[in-house]
Amino acid sequence: MDVVERCPADRQRLKELIRREQRARQRDRYRMVAMALEGEKKLRIAAVLGVGKSTVETWVYRYRDHGLEALRPIKQPGAMPKLDPSSYDRLRARIDAGPTERDGVCAFRGSDIQRILQREFGVKYSLGHVYAILHTLGYACLSPRPRHEHHDPEAQAEFRRITPLLSGL
């Protein structure tokens, strides 16, 4: 694969980048260009590095057209969040206020937050993503089991006192 070296110092710089790079995929990009500069054919480079010939072409042509900086990966922007980060304070306040009569629960679970997000904020998230948002807000997934509103510790103690032990079975 005939590639014109963009800068005389590129070969030495590539050797240094290959030696220092810890990420294998990035290191292979540098190696593709270094091998091409040494006159290797693209099929041989692809076989040695275990990649397709189109991958070799892509990275070598990037170097040819834009130099060494073009070999660095470009951070992809990702999707825009459905829930605007400015709404996080409102959601946090809603969660901290606790369940309302309308919620019909004594403590929030992920599915309850999911329902609140859809009903009150107009966004629909998977349960896994709801937990990710809760983590972002600083909430932990695990919490102590809530006590029922009709919980009576005295009645429980009396029950334990009068109930026979089942150890003889």
Foldseek 3Di string as FASTA:
>chain_A
DAADQPDPCLLVVLVVCLVPDPDLVLSLLSVLQNVVNVPDDLVVSCVVSVHDSVVSVVSNVLCRVPNDVSSDDDDDPDDDDPQPPVCLVVLVVVQVVADDVVLVDRHDALVSSQVCCCPPVVDHDDSVVSVVSCVVSPDDRDDDDDDDPPDDPVVVVVCVVPDDDPPVD
